[in-house]
C-alpha atoms as a PDB file:
ATOM      1  CA  MET A   1       0.146  53.028  24.181  1.00  0.00           C
ATOM      2  CA  ARG A   2      -2.337  55.512  22.699  1.00  0.00           C
ATOM      3  CA  ALA A   3      -3.167  53.373  19.673  1.00  0.00           C
ATOM      4  CA  VAL A   4      -3.562  50.082  21.762  1.00  0.00           C
ATOM      5  CA  GLY A   5      -5.933  52.113  24.058  1.00  0.00           C
ATOM      6  CA  ILE A   6      -8.002  53.228  21.147  1.00  0.00           C
ATOM      7  CA  ILE A   7      -8.133  49.905  19.678  1.00  0.00           C
ATOM      8  CA  LEU A   8      -9.015  48.324  23.023  1.00  0.00           C
ATOM      9  CA  ALA A   9     -11.734  50.939  23.738  1.00  0.00           C
ATOM     10  CA  VAL A  10     -13.355  50.364  20.429  1.00  0.00           C
ATOM     11  CA  LEU A  11     -13.086  46.542  20.438  1.00  0.00           C
ATOM     12  CA  GLY A  12     -14.601  46.853  24.014  1.00  0.00           C
ATOM     13  CA  ALA A  13     -17.632  49.253  23.085  1.00  0.00           C
ATOM     14  CA  ILE A  14     -18.385  46.900  20.053  1.00  0.00           C
ATOM     15  CA  ALA A  15     -18.481  43.732  22.727  1.00  0.00           C
ATOM     16  CA  LEU A  16     -20.257  45.691  25.046  1.00  0.00           C
ATOM     17  CA  ILE A  17     -23.187  46.373  22.298  1.00  0.00           C
ATOM     18  CA  VAL A  18     -23.035  43.083  20.967  1.00  0.00           C
ATOM     19  CA  THR A  19     -22.984  41.062  24.190  1.00  0.00           C
ATOM     20  CA  GLY A  20     -25.791  43.613  25.644  1.00  0.00           C
ATOM     21  CA  ILE A  21     -28.184  42.933  22.784  1.00  0.00           C
ATOM     22  CA  ASN A  22     -27.587  39.000  23.132  1.00  0.00           C
ATOM     23  CA  TYR A  23     -28.172  39.398  27.184  1.00  0.00           C
ATOM     24  CA  ALA A  24     -31.177  41.403  26.572  1.00  0.00           C
ATOM     25  CA  ASN A  25     -32.604  38.976  24.078  1.00  0.00           C
ATOM     26  CA  GLN A  26     -31.978  35.993  26.565  1.00  0.00           C
ATOM     27  CA  THR A  27     -34.829  37.223  29.088  1.00  0.00           C
ATOM     28  CA  ASP A  28     -38.163  35.748  30.014  1.00  0.00           C
ATOM     29  CA  LYS A  29     -41.075  38.037  31.132  1.00  0.00           C
ATOM     30  CA  PHE A  30     -43.940  36.677  33.004  1.00  0.00           C
ATOM     31  CA  ASN A  31     -46.566  37.843  35.582  1.00  0.00           C
ATOM     32  CA  PHE A  32     -46.737  36.373  38.994  1.00  0.00           C
ATOM     33  CA  LEU A  33     -49.470  37.541  41.283  1.00  0.00           C
ATOM     34  CA  GLY A  34     -49.870  41.030  39.291  1.00  0.00           C
ATOM     35  CA  LEU A  35     -46.217  41.814  39.209  1.00  0.00           C
ATOM     36  CA  ASN A  36     -43.957  41.958  35.863  1.00  0.00           C
ATOM     37  CA  VAL A  37     -40.985  39.433  36.677  1.00  0.00           C
ATOM     38  CA  THR A  38     -38.291  39.408  34.188  1.00  0.00           C
ATOM     39  CA  VAL A  39     -35.824  36.483  34.506  1.00  0.00           C
ATOM     40  CA  SER A  40     -32.566  36.510  32.502  1.00  0.00           C
ATOM     41  CA  GLN A  41     -31.016  33.453  31.353  1.00  0.00           C
ATOM     42  CA  GLY A  42     -27.891  34.951  29.673  1.00  0.00           C
ATOM     43  CA  ASN A  43     -24.392  34.637  30.916  1.00  0.00           C
ATOM     44  CA  ILE A  44     -23.475  38.070  32.473  1.00  0.00           C
ATOM     45  CA  ALA A  45     -19.628  37.212  32.029  1.00  0.00           C
ATOM     46  CA  PRO A  46     -18.836  38.115  28.569  1.00  0.00           C
ATOM     47  CA  LEU A  47     -20.538  41.561  29.568  1.00  0.00           C
ATOM     48  CA  ILE A  48     -18.095  42.205  32.313  1.00  0.00           C
ATOM     49  CA  VAL A  49     -15.118  41.354  30.416  1.00  0.00           C
ATOM     50  CA  ALA A  50     -16.280  43.633  27.602  1.00  0.00           C
ATOM     51  CA  GLY A  51     -16.713  46.343  29.835  1.00  0.00           C
ATOM     52  CA  VAL A  52     -13.293  45.816  31.637  1.00  0.00           C
ATOM     53  CA  VAL A  53     -11.602  45.886  28.140  1.00  0.00           C
ATOM     54  CA  PHE A  54     -13.494  49.216  27.477  1.00  0.00           C
ATOM     55  CA  LEU A  55     -12.287  50.583  30.634  1.00  0.00           C
ATOM     56  CA  ILE A  56      -8.891  49.474  30.255  1.00  0.00           C
ATOM     57  CA  GLY A  57      -8.646  51.014  26.789  1.00  0.00           C
ATOM     58  CA  ILE A  58      -9.865  54.257  28.119  1.00  0.00           C
ATOM     59  CA  ILE A  59      -7.483  54.378  30.852  1.00  0.00           C
ATOM     60  CA  PHE A  60      -4.406  53.663  28.409  1.00  0.00           C
ATOM     61  CA  THR A  61      -5.720  56.322  25.913  1.00  0.00           C
ATOM     62  CA  ALA A  62      -6.259  58.714  28.952  1.00  0.00           C
ATOM     63  CA  THR A  63      -2.637  58.160  30.588  1.00  0.00           C
ATOM     64  CA  ALA A  64      -0.586  57.782  27.453  1.00  0.00           C
ATOM     65  CA  LYS A  65       1.745  60.509  26.787  1.00  0.00           C
ATOM     66  CA  ARG A  66       1.265  62.404  23.354  1.00  0.00           C
ATOM     67  CA  ALA A  67       4.393  61.980  20.907  1.00  0.00           C
END
């Protein structure tokens, strides 16, 4: 279980970085009545899934018994 947890944590972290960059690049910024407004057009679901996979990997790694 420990190896699976490490793999999930690494893959989740990579996915968080990639989806976070993609999400950040899909934003539009404009001024409205003197205020800076940022509107995101990206899909947040992959970012949430990547975060959940990362957390599951950390939990598996932390709770696994050492052999």
